[in-house]
Amino acid sequence: MQTWYSMRAADSGTEILIYDEIGGWGVTAKAFADDLKALGAVRAITLRINSPGGDGFAGQAIHNTLRRHTAKVTVYVDGLAASAASIIAMAGVEGYDANEQRKIELLVDIFHRLKK
């Protein structure tokens, strides 16, 4: 089945790629959560994002799934994290741009300003 994400477990932690439109091809946030749970106990998650967004409800559910997870989540925005993808990006305890030089705290600040 084609999905908009991939997950790969390694000794150093788990890498998750979200590289397409969230919710595409009928793949749900529940499938994402189930796949994450199937990886078992992981201590670190590296989440790499390049997405135009997609289903906002799925984005919020994935954000909450990652926040509840016991692993440390580090986010890298490899290209674009727009719309629903920006919600998911805020699930990380640390976040960096594609060059891994600048933290993406600005993204969180902008989102919170919009909520007011």
C-alpha atoms as a PDB file:
ATOM      1  CA  MET A   1       0.000   0.000   0.000  1.00  0.00           C
ATOM      2  CA  GLN A   2       1.262   3.464  -0.857  1.00  0.00           C
ATOM      3  CA  THR A   3       1.537   5.853   2.104  1.00  0.00           C
ATOM      4  CA  TRP A   4       2.614   9.440   2.730  1.00  0.00           C
ATOM      5  CA  TYR A   5       4.963   8.395   5.515  1.00  0.00           C
ATOM      6  CA  SER A   6       7.535   5.740   6.263  1.00  0.00           C
ATOM      7  CA  MET A   7       8.970   4.427   9.531  1.00  0.00           C
ATOM      8  CA  ARG A   8      12.258   2.651  10.038  1.00  0.00           C
ATOM      9  CA  ALA A   9      13.595   1.356  13.352  1.00  0.00           C
ATOM     10  CA  ALA A  10      17.330   1.307  13.974  1.00  0.00           C
ATOM     11  CA  ASP A  11      19.612   0.801  16.959  1.00  0.00           C
ATOM     12  CA  SER A  12      19.990   4.540  17.394  1.00  0.00           C
ATOM     13  CA  GLY A  13      16.240   5.179  17.235  1.00  0.00           C
ATOM     14  CA  THR A  14      13.390   5.402  14.806  1.00  0.00           C
ATOM     15  CA  GLU A  15      13.259   7.581  11.718  1.00  0.00           C
ATOM     16  CA  ILE A  16       9.879   8.725  10.424  1.00  0.00           C
ATOM     17  CA  LEU A  17       9.578  10.474   7.078  1.00  0.00           C
ATOM     18  CA  ILE A  18       6.478  12.488   6.220  1.00  0.00           C
ATOM     19  CA  TYR A  19       7.139  13.380   2.608  1.00  0.00           C
ATOM     20  CA  ASP A  20       3.764  13.878   1.008  1.00  0.00           C
ATOM     21  CA  GLU A  21       0.222  15.083   1.593  1.00  0.00           C
ATOM     22  CA  ILE A  22      -1.053  13.985   5.007  1.00  0.00           C
ATOM     23  CA  GLY A  23      -4.088  11.748   4.682  1.00  0.00           C
ATOM     24  CA  GLY A  24      -3.441  10.899   1.046  1.00  0.00           C
ATOM     25  CA  TRP A  25      -4.290   7.535  -0.515  1.00  0.00           C
ATOM     26  CA  GLY A  26      -6.811   6.795   2.222  1.00  0.00           C
ATOM     27  CA  VAL A  27      -4.055   6.289   4.815  1.00  0.00           C
ATOM     28  CA  THR A  28      -5.341   7.527   8.178  1.00  0.00           C
ATOM     29  CA  ALA A  29      -3.797   8.915  11.330  1.00  0.00           C
ATOM     30  CA  LYS A  30      -4.875   5.658  12.983  1.00  0.00           C
ATOM     31  CA  ALA A  31      -2.672   3.704  10.566  1.00  0.00           C
ATOM     32  CA  PHE A  32       0.226   6.025  11.480  1.00  0.00           C
ATOM     33  CA  ALA A  33      -0.396   5.431  15.204  1.00  0.00           C
ATOM     34  CA  ASP A  34      -0.694   1.668  14.693  1.00  0.00           C
ATOM     35  CA  ASP A  35       2.582   1.537  12.739  1.00  0.00           C
ATOM     36  CA  LEU A  36       4.342   3.575  15.428  1.00  0.00           C
ATOM     37  CA  LYS A  37       3.045   1.270  18.151  1.00  0.00           C
ATOM     38  CA  ALA A  38       4.170  -1.783  16.165  1.00  0.00           C
ATOM     39  CA  LEU A  39       7.772  -0.542  16.344  1.00  0.00           C
ATOM     40  CA  GLY A  40       7.727  -1.274  20.075  1.00  0.00           C
ATOM     41  CA  ALA A  41       9.595   0.672  22.727  1.00  0.00           C
ATOM     42  CA  VAL A  42      11.842   3.246  21.126  1.00  0.00           C
ATOM     43  CA  ARG A  43      13.824   5.889  22.995  1.00  0.00           C
ATOM     44  CA  ALA A  44      14.309   8.411  20.194  1.00  0.00           C
ATOM     45  CA  ILE A  45      12.340   9.415  17.126  1.00  0.00           C
ATOM     46  CA  THR A  46      13.789  11.497  14.326  1.00  0.00           C
ATOM     47  CA  LEU A  47      10.894  12.983  12.377  1.00  0.00           C
ATOM     48  CA  ARG A  48      11.770  14.401   8.954  1.00  0.00           C
ATOM     49  CA  ILE A  49       9.115  16.482   7.186  1.00  0.00           C
ATOM     50  CA  ASN A  50       8.665  17.781   3.655  1.00  0.00           C
ATOM     51  CA  SER A  51       4.925  18.145   3.208  1.00  0.00           C
ATOM     52  CA  PRO A  52       2.441  20.666   1.823  1.00  0.00           C
ATOM     53  CA  GLY A  53       0.061  19.709   4.634  1.00  0.00           C
ATOM     54  CA  GLY A  54      -3.172  17.864   4.135  1.00  0.00           C
ATOM     55  CA  ASP A  55      -5.882  16.682   6.495  1.00  0.00           C
ATOM     56  CA  GLY A  56      -5.812  18.987   9.518  1.00  0.00           C
ATOM     57  CA  PHE A  57      -7.653  16.527  11.748  1.00  0.00           C
ATOM     58  CA  ALA A  58      -5.114  13.810  10.914  1.00  0.00           C
ATOM     59  CA  GLY A  59      -2.290  16.273  11.555  1.00  0.00           C
ATOM     60  CA  GLN A  60      -3.643  17.085  15.008  1.00  0.00           C
ATOM     61  CA  ALA A  61      -4.103  13.391  15.830  1.00  0.00           C
ATOM     62  CA  ILE A  62      -0.542  12.576  14.747  1.00  0.00           C
ATOM     63  CA  HIS A  63       0.788  15.516  16.768  1.00  0.00           C
ATOM     64  CA  ASN A  64      -0.988  14.195  19.866  1.00  0.00           C
ATOM     65  CA  THR A  65       0.203  10.638  19.197  1.00  0.00           C
ATOM     66  CA  LEU A  66       3.814  11.788  19.036  1.00  0.00           C
ATOM     67  CA  ARG A  67       3.467  14.012  22.135  1.00  0.00           C
ATOM     68  CA  ARG A  68       2.098  11.087  24.161  1.00  0.00           C
ATOM     69  CA  HIS A  69       4.913   8.794  23.046  1.00  0.00           C
ATOM     70  CA  THR A  70       7.685   8.214  25.587  1.00  0.00           C
ATOM     71  CA  ALA A  71      10.458   8.707  23.010  1.00  0.00           C
ATOM     72  CA  LYS A  72      12.308  11.984  22.559  1.00  0.00           C
ATOM     73  CA  VAL A  73      11.051  13.423  19.264  1.00  0.00           C
ATOM     74  CA  THR A  74      13.428  15.584  17.228  1.00  0.00           C
ATOM     75  CA  VAL A  75      11.986  17.251  14.135  1.00  0.00           C
ATOM     76  CA  TYR A  76      13.831  18.259  10.970  1.00  0.00           C
ATOM     77  CA  VAL A  77      11.979  20.257   8.336  1.00  0.00           C
ATOM     78  CA  ASP A  78      13.783  19.089   5.221  1.00  0.00           C
ATOM     79  CA  GLY A  79      11.808  21.306   2.888  1.00  0.00           C
ATOM     80  CA  LEU A  80       8.312  22.469   3.723  1.00  0.00           C
ATOM     81  CA  ALA A  81       6.086  21.877   6.733  1.00  0.00           C
ATOM     82  CA  ALA A  82       2.900  23.673   5.749  1.00  0.00           C
ATOM     83  CA  SER A  83      -0.612  23.524   7.172  1.00  0.00           C
ATOM     84  CA  ALA A  84      -1.221  20.173   8.903  1.00  0.00           C
ATOM     85  CA  ALA A  85       2.483  19.316   8.631  1.00  0.00           C
ATOM     86  CA  SER A  86       3.336  22.367  10.754  1.00  0.00           C
ATOM     87  CA  ILE A  87       1.067  21.033  13.495  1.00  0.00           C
ATOM     88  CA  ILE A  88       2.928  17.726  13.419  1.00  0.00           C
ATOM     89  CA  ALA A  89       6.282  19.556  13.475  1.00  0.00           C
ATOM     90  CA  MET A  90       5.358  21.101  16.823  1.00  0.00           C
ATOM     91  CA  ALA A  91       5.278  17.642  18.418  1.00  0.00           C
ATOM     92  CA  GLY A  92       9.040  17.618  18.735  1.00  0.00           C
ATOM     93  CA  VAL A  93      11.005  18.635  21.801  1.00  0.00           C
ATOM     94  CA  GLU A  94      13.635  19.957  19.391  1.00  0.00           C
ATOM     95  CA  GLY A  95      13.273  21.126  15.836  1.00  0.00           C
ATOM     96  CA  TYR A  96      15.638  22.218  13.097  1.00  0.00           C
ATOM     97  CA  ASP A  97      15.500  23.526   9.561  1.00  0.00           C
ATOM     98  CA  ALA A  98      16.894  21.623   6.583  1.00  0.00           C
ATOM     99  CA  ASN A  99      20.434  22.828   7.264  1.00  0.00           C
ATOM    100  CA  GLU A 100      20.209  21.622  10.874  1.00  0.00           C
ATOM    101  CA  GLN A 101      21.531  25.004  11.950  1.00  0.00           C
ATOM    102  CA  ARG A 102      18.510  26.956  13.050  1.00  0.00           C
ATOM    103  CA  LYS A 103      15.912  25.786  15.508  1.00  0.00           C
ATOM    104  CA  ILE A 104      12.344  26.078  14.272  1.00  0.00           C
ATOM    105  CA  GLU A 105      11.030  27.756  17.393  1.00  0.00           C
ATOM    106  CA  LEU A 106       9.754  30.545  15.145  1.00  0.00           C
ATOM    107  CA  LEU A 107       7.176  28.144  13.728  1.00  0.00           C
ATOM    108  CA  VAL A 108       5.738  27.507  17.182  1.00  0.00           C
ATOM    109  CA  ASP A 109       5.687  31.242  17.905  1.00  0.00           C
ATOM    110  CA  ILE A 110       3.819  32.032  14.695  1.00  0.00           C
ATOM    111  CA  PHE A 111       1.247  29.305  15.325  1.00  0.00           C
ATOM    112  CA  HIS A 112       0.548  30.552  18.839  1.00  0.00           C
ATOM    113  CA  ARG A 113       0.116  34.109  17.596  1.00  0.00           C
ATOM    114  CA  LEU A 114      -2.469  32.898  15.091  1.00  0.00           C
ATOM    115  CA  LYS A 115      -4.433  31.127  17.822  1.00  0.00           C
ATOM    116  CA  LYS A 116      -5.010  34.410  19.723  1.00  0.00           C
END
